Amino acid sequence: MNGLVKFYDEPTGWGLIAGDDGALYMLRGGQLADAAPRVGERVAFEPQKGGGGLRAAAVRRLSDG
């Protein structure tokens, strides 16, 4: 699934992705190898259900084109 990074807090390493399905998914920033995700950045991820709600796994950046 694809989505948009809506929030990311670098000190704590977590944020939220608005999925293209309209749901919010928790993001753990350590999943991205190079730099921290940026608000407004498009990403692809695997949606998962977790103990605290929906989570984004296998997060990767989408190229701009």
PDB file of N, CA and C in Angstrom:
ATOM      1  N   MET A   1       0.849  -1.177   0.000  1.00  0.00           N
ATOM      2  CA  MET A   1       0.000   0.000   0.000  1.00  0.00           C
ATOM      3  C   MET A   1       0.891   1.235   0.000  1.00  0.00           C
ATOM      4  N   ASN A   2       0.382   2.323  -0.533  1.00  0.00           N
ATOM      5  CA  ASN A   2       1.094   3.589  -0.520  1.00  0.00           C
ATOM      6  C   ASN A   2       0.419   4.551   0.447  1.00  0.00           C
ATOM      7  N   GLY A   3       1.171   5.563   0.872  1.00  0.00           N
ATOM      8  CA  GLY A   3       0.613   6.565   1.764  1.00  0.00           C
ATOM      9  C   GLY A   3       1.514   7.773   1.864  1.00  0.00           C
ATOM     10  N   LEU A   4       1.121   8.684   2.745  1.00  0.00           N
ATOM     11  CA  LEU A   4       1.802   9.959   2.927  1.00  0.00           C
ATOM     12  C   LEU A   4       2.186  10.111   4.392  1.00  0.00           C
ATOM     13  N   VAL A   5       3.441  10.460   4.661  1.00  0.00           N
ATOM     14  CA  VAL A   5       3.873  10.699   6.040  1.00  0.00           C
ATOM     15  C   VAL A   5       3.179  11.969   6.531  1.00  0.00           C
ATOM     16  N   LYS A   6       2.353  11.833   7.568  1.00  0.00           N
ATOM     17  CA  LYS A   6       1.591  12.958   8.104  1.00  0.00           C
ATOM     18  C   LYS A   6       2.283  13.594   9.301  1.00  0.00           C
ATOM     19  N   PHE A   7       3.039  12.795  10.051  1.00  0.00           N
ATOM     20  CA  PHE A   7       3.712  13.266  11.258  1.00  0.00           C
ATOM     21  C   PHE A   7       4.919  12.385  11.482  1.00  0.00           C
ATOM     22  N   TYR A   8       6.020  12.985  11.933  1.00  0.00           N
ATOM     23  CA  TYR A   8       7.175  12.189  12.336  1.00  0.00           C
ATOM     24  C   TYR A   8       7.970  12.959  13.370  1.00  0.00           C
ATOM     25  N   ASP A   9       8.263  12.312  14.493  1.00  0.00           N
ATOM     26  CA  ASP A   9       9.038  12.902  15.576  1.00  0.00           C
ATOM     27  C   ASP A   9      10.393  12.196  15.627  1.00  0.00           C
ATOM     28  N   GLU A  10      11.421  12.875  15.142  1.00  0.00           N
ATOM     29  CA  GLU A  10      12.739  12.236  15.044  1.00  0.00           C
ATOM     30  C   GLU A  10      13.325  11.815  16.386  1.00  0.00           C
ATOM     31  N   PRO A  11      13.216  12.628  17.472  1.00  0.00           N
ATOM     32  CA  PRO A  11      13.789  12.193  18.749  1.00  0.00           C
ATOM     33  C   PRO A  11      13.210  10.870  19.266  1.00  0.00           C
ATOM     34  N   THR A  12      11.918  10.643  19.073  1.00  0.00           N
ATOM     35  CA  THR A  12      11.315   9.401  19.561  1.00  0.00           C
ATOM     36  C   THR A  12      11.272   8.324  18.484  1.00  0.00           C
ATOM     37  N   GLY A  13      11.450   8.713  17.228  1.00  0.00           N
ATOM     38  CA  GLY A  13      11.509   7.737  16.143  1.00  0.00           C
ATOM     39  C   GLY A  13      10.172   7.142  15.747  1.00  0.00           C
ATOM     40  N   TRP A  14       9.093   7.881  15.915  1.00  0.00           N
ATOM     41  CA  TRP A  14       7.805   7.344  15.462  1.00  0.00           C
ATOM     42  C   TRP A  14       6.988   8.424  14.778  1.00  0.00           C
ATOM     43  N   GLY A  15       6.013   7.968  14.016  1.00  0.00           N
ATOM     44  CA  GLY A  15       5.163   8.905  13.306  1.00  0.00           C
ATOM     45  C   GLY A  15       3.916   8.227  12.791  1.00  0.00           C
ATOM     46  N   LEU A  16       3.227   8.917  11.895  1.00  0.00           N
ATOM     47  CA  LEU A  16       1.980   8.414  11.320  1.00  0.00           C
ATOM     48  C   LEU A  16       2.005   8.542   9.807  1.00  0.00           C
ATOM     49  N   ILE A  17       1.476   7.520   9.162  1.00  0.00           N
ATOM     50  CA  ILE A  17       1.289   7.519   7.718  1.00  0.00           C
ATOM     51  C   ILE A  17      -0.205   7.484   7.451  1.00  0.00           C
ATOM     52  N   ALA A  18      -0.674   8.370   6.580  1.00  0.00           N
ATOM     53  CA  ALA A  18      -2.048   8.314   6.095  1.00  0.00           C
ATOM     54  C   ALA A  18      -2.040   7.415   4.866  1.00  0.00           C
ATOM     55  N   GLY A  19      -2.609   6.223   5.009  1.00  0.00           N
ATOM     56  CA  GLY A  19      -2.647   5.289   3.897  1.00  0.00           C
ATOM     57  C   GLY A  19      -3.611   5.746   2.823  1.00  0.00           C
ATOM     58  N   ASP A  20      -3.387   5.287   1.604  1.00  0.00           N
ATOM     59  CA  ASP A  20      -4.281   5.623   0.505  1.00  0.00           C
ATOM     60  C   ASP A  20      -5.685   5.063   0.728  1.00  0.00           C
ATOM     61  N   ASP A  21      -5.839   4.168   1.718  1.00  0.00           N
ATOM     62  CA  ASP A  21      -7.162   3.636   2.069  1.00  0.00           C
ATOM     63  C   ASP A  21      -7.896   4.532   3.068  1.00  0.00           C
ATOM     64  N   GLY A  22      -7.254   5.649   3.496  1.00  0.00           N
ATOM     65  CA  GLY A  22      -7.874   6.577   4.425  1.00  0.00           C
ATOM     66  C   GLY A  22      -7.582   6.302   5.885  1.00  0.00           C
ATOM     67  N   ALA A  23      -6.923   5.200   6.209  1.00  0.00           N
ATOM     68  CA  ALA A  23      -6.602   4.853   7.594  1.00  0.00           C
ATOM     69  C   ALA A  23      -5.237   5.414   7.982  1.00  0.00           C
ATOM     70  N   LEU A  24      -5.009   5.563   9.290  1.00  0.00           N
ATOM     71  CA  LEU A  24      -3.713   5.993   9.820  1.00  0.00           C
ATOM     72  C   LEU A  24      -2.927   4.789  10.314  1.00  0.00           C
ATOM     73  N   TYR A  25      -1.636   4.760  10.005  1.00  0.00           N
ATOM     74  CA  TYR A  25      -0.751   3.666  10.373  1.00  0.00           C
ATOM     75  C   TYR A  25       0.435   4.214  11.154  1.00  0.00           C
ATOM     76  N   MET A  26       0.796   3.536  12.248  1.00  0.00           N
ATOM     77  CA  MET A  26       1.941   3.940  13.044  1.00  0.00           C
ATOM     78  C   MET A  26       3.230   3.583  12.302  1.00  0.00           C
ATOM     79  N   LEU A  27       4.157   4.512  12.297  1.00  0.00           N
ATOM     80  CA  LEU A  27       5.441   4.363  11.619  1.00  0.00           C
ATOM     81  C   LEU A  27       6.563   4.357  12.645  1.00  0.00           C
ATOM     82  N   ARG A  28       7.462   3.391  12.537  1.00  0.00           N
ATOM     83  CA  ARG A  28       8.691   3.382  13.326  1.00  0.00           C
ATOM     84  C   ARG A  28       9.821   3.772  12.391  1.00  0.00           C
ATOM     85  N   GLY A  29      10.456   4.908  12.656  1.00  0.00           N
ATOM     86  CA  GLY A  29      11.436   5.473  11.743  1.00  0.00           C
ATOM     87  C   GLY A  29      12.667   4.637  11.505  1.00  0.00           C
ATOM     88  N   GLY A  30      13.027   3.774  12.429  1.00  0.00           N
ATOM     89  CA  GLY A  30      14.205   2.942  12.253  1.00  0.00           C
ATOM     90  C   GLY A  30      14.098   1.995  11.079  1.00  0.00           C
ATOM     91  N   GLN A  31      12.932   1.875  10.492  1.00  0.00           N
ATOM     92  CA  GLN A  31      12.746   0.974   9.351  1.00  0.00           C
ATOM     93  C   GLN A  31      13.426   1.491   8.084  1.00  0.00           C
ATOM     94  N   LEU A  32      13.597   2.800   7.987  1.00  0.00           N
ATOM     95  CA  LEU A  32      14.212   3.389   6.795  1.00  0.00           C
ATOM     96  C   LEU A  32      15.721   3.477   6.990  1.00  0.00           C
ATOM     97  N   ALA A  33      16.463   2.926   6.051  1.00  0.00           N
ATOM     98  CA  ALA A  33      17.902   2.765   6.220  1.00  0.00           C
ATOM     99  C   ALA A  33      18.690   4.071   6.200  1.00  0.00           C
ATOM    100  N   ASP A  34      18.327   5.008   5.332  1.00  0.00           N
ATOM    101  CA  ASP A  34      19.179   6.181   5.167  1.00  0.00           C
ATOM    102  C   ASP A  34      18.784   7.341   6.076  1.00  0.00           C
ATOM    103  N   ALA A  35      17.828   8.142   5.716  1.00  0.00           N
ATOM    104  CA  ALA A  35      17.447   9.318   6.499  1.00  0.00           C
ATOM    105  C   ALA A  35      16.051   9.140   7.087  1.00  0.00           C
ATOM    106  N   ALA A  36      15.755   9.930   8.094  1.00  0.00           N
ATOM    107  CA  ALA A  36      14.437   9.899   8.717  1.00  0.00           C
ATOM    108  C   ALA A  36      13.371  10.318   7.705  1.00  0.00           C
ATOM    109  N   PRO A  37      12.168   9.775   7.837  1.00  0.00           N
ATOM    110  CA  PRO A  37      11.100  10.191   6.930  1.00  0.00           C
ATOM    111  C   PRO A  37      10.734  11.651   7.157  1.00  0.00           C
ATOM    112  N   ARG A  38      10.237  12.285   6.115  1.00  0.00           N
ATOM    113  CA  ARG A  38       9.833  13.692   6.195  1.00  0.00           C
ATOM    114  C   ARG A  38       8.327  13.807   6.018  1.00  0.00           C
ATOM    115  N   VAL A  39       7.723  14.735   6.727  1.00  0.00           N
ATOM    116  CA  VAL A  39       6.299  15.004   6.562  1.00  0.00           C
ATOM    117  C   VAL A  39       6.051  15.386   5.109  1.00  0.00           C
ATOM    118  N   GLY A  40       5.034  14.789   4.509  1.00  0.00           N
ATOM    119  CA  GLY A  40       4.708  15.040   3.111  1.00  0.00           C
ATOM    120  C   GLY A  40       5.344  14.067   2.140  1.00  0.00           C
ATOM    121  N   GLU A  41       6.224  13.217   2.616  1.00  0.00           N
ATOM    122  CA  GLU A  41       6.911  12.253   1.759  1.00  0.00           C
ATOM    123  C   GLU A  41       5.994  11.069   1.458  1.00  0.00           C
ATOM    124  N   ARG A  42       6.013  10.610   0.204  1.00  0.00           N
ATOM    125  CA  ARG A  42       5.236   9.431  -0.194  1.00  0.00           C
ATOM    126  C   ARG A  42       6.053   8.181   0.092  1.00  0.00           C
ATOM    127  N   VAL A  43       5.392   7.189   0.674  1.00  0.00           N
ATOM    128  CA  VAL A  43       6.042   5.930   1.011  1.00  0.00           C
ATOM    129  C   VAL A  43       5.147   4.764   0.613  1.00  0.00           C
ATOM    130  N   ALA A  44       5.767   3.610   0.459  1.00  0.00           N
ATOM    131  CA  ALA A  44       5.054   2.348   0.279  1.00  0.00           C
ATOM    132  C   ALA A  44       5.297   1.532   1.547  1.00  0.00           C
ATOM    133  N   PHE A  45       4.316   0.730   1.942  1.00  0.00           N
ATOM    134  CA  PHE A  45       4.457  -0.055   3.171  1.00  0.00           C
ATOM    135  C   PHE A  45       3.502  -1.238   3.158  1.00  0.00           C
ATOM    136  N   GLU A  46       3.750  -2.155   4.078  1.00  0.00           N
ATOM    137  CA  GLU A  46       2.889  -3.307   4.278  1.00  0.00           C
ATOM    138  C   GLU A  46       2.016  -3.029   5.498  1.00  0.00           C
ATOM    139  N   PRO A  47       0.687  -2.922   5.335  1.00  0.00           N
ATOM    140  CA  PRO A  47      -0.183  -2.660   6.480  1.00  0.00           C
ATOM    141  C   PRO A  47      -0.295  -3.892   7.379  1.00  0.00           C
ATOM    142  N   GLN A  48      -0.265  -3.675   8.691  1.00  0.00           N
ATOM    143  CA  GLN A  48      -0.401  -4.751   9.669  1.00  0.00           C
ATOM    144  C   GLN A  48      -1.284  -4.284  10.812  1.00  0.00           C
ATOM    145  N   LYS A  49      -1.973  -5.236  11.424  1.00  0.00           N
ATOM    146  CA  LYS A  49      -2.737  -4.936  12.632  1.00  0.00           C
ATOM    147  C   LYS A  49      -1.873  -5.321  13.815  1.00  0.00           C
ATOM    148  N   GLY A  50      -1.738  -4.382  14.783  1.00  0.00           N
ATOM    149  CA  GLY A  50      -0.929  -4.637  15.966  1.00  0.00           C
ATOM    150  C   GLY A  50      -1.744  -4.432  17.222  1.00  0.00           C
ATOM    151  N   GLY A  51      -1.101  -4.632  18.365  1.00  0.00           N
ATOM    152  CA  GLY A  51      -1.767  -4.487  19.646  1.00  0.00           C
ATOM    153  C   GLY A  51      -2.339  -3.106  19.881  1.00  0.00           C
ATOM    154  N   GLY A  52      -1.671  -2.065  19.370  1.00  0.00           N
ATOM    155  CA  GLY A  52      -2.131  -0.704  19.585  1.00  0.00           C
ATOM    156  C   GLY A  52      -2.858  -0.114  18.392  1.00  0.00           C
ATOM    157  N   GLY A  53      -3.133  -0.914  17.381  1.00  0.00           N
ATOM    158  CA  GLY A  53      -3.813  -0.404  16.193  1.00  0.00           C
ATOM    159  C   GLY A  53      -3.081  -0.806  14.925  1.00  0.00           C
ATOM    160  N   LEU A  54      -3.237  -0.022  13.908  1.00  0.00           N
ATOM    161  CA  LEU A  54      -2.633  -0.323  12.608  1.00  0.00           C
ATOM    162  C   LEU A  54      -1.180   0.131  12.572  1.00  0.00           C
ATOM    163  N   ARG A  55      -0.342  -0.678  11.932  1.00  0.00           N
ATOM    164  CA  ARG A  55       1.085  -0.381  11.841  1.00  0.00           C
ATOM    165  C   ARG A  55       1.546  -0.485  10.397  1.00  0.00           C
ATOM    166  N   ALA A  56       2.589   0.271  10.096  1.00  0.00           N
ATOM    167  CA  ALA A  56       3.223   0.210   8.782  1.00  0.00           C
ATOM    168  C   ALA A  56       4.522  -0.568   8.918  1.00  0.00           C
ATOM    169  N   ALA A  57       4.663  -1.636   8.148  1.00  0.00           N
ATOM    170  CA  ALA A  57       5.881  -2.448   8.142  1.00  0.00           C
ATOM    171  C   ALA A  57       6.521  -2.369   6.764  1.00  0.00           C
ATOM    172  N   ALA A  58       7.799  -2.707   6.699  1.00  0.00           N
ATOM    173  CA  ALA A  58       8.545  -2.712   5.433  1.00  0.00           C
ATOM    174  C   ALA A  58       8.373  -1.387   4.688  1.00  0.00           C
ATOM    175  N   VAL A  59       8.550  -0.283   5.401  1.00  0.00           N
ATOM    176  CA  VAL A  59       8.363   1.043   4.822  1.00  0.00           C
ATOM    177  C   VAL A  59       9.514   1.393   3.899  1.00  0.00           C
ATOM    178  N   ARG A  60       9.191   1.909   2.732  1.00  0.00           N
ATOM    179  CA  ARG A  60      10.222   2.334   1.773  1.00  0.00           C
ATOM    180  C   ARG A  60       9.744   3.581   1.044  1.00  0.00           C
ATOM    181  N   ARG A  61      10.677   4.412   0.705  1.00  0.00           N
ATOM    182  CA  ARG A  61      10.361   5.651  -0.009  1.00  0.00           C
ATOM    183  C   ARG A  61       9.948   5.356  -1.435  1.00  0.00           C
ATOM    184  N   LEU A  62       9.047   6.179  -1.936  1.00  0.00           N
ATOM    185  CA  LEU A  62       8.689   6.127  -3.352  1.00  0.00           C
ATOM    186  C   LEU A  62       9.485   7.193  -4.075  1.00  0.00           C
ATOM    187  N   SER A  63      10.020   6.858  -5.228  1.00  0.00           N
ATOM    188  CA  SER A  63      10.788   7.846  -5.992  1.00  0.00           C
ATOM    189  C   SER A  63       9.851   8.904  -6.547  1.00  0.00           C
ATOM    190  N   ASP A  64      10.385  10.069  -6.776  1.00  0.00           N
ATOM    191  CA  ASP A  64       9.594  11.173  -7.289  1.00  0.00           C
ATOM    192  C   ASP A  64       9.248  11.018  -8.762  1.00  0.00           C
ATOM    193  N   GLY A  65       9.807  10.046  -9.391  1.00  0.00           N
ATOM    194  CA  GLY A  65       9.387   9.886 -10.754  1.00  0.00           C
ATOM    195  C   GLY A  65      10.443   9.439 -11.669  1.00  0.00           C
TER     196      GLY A  65
END
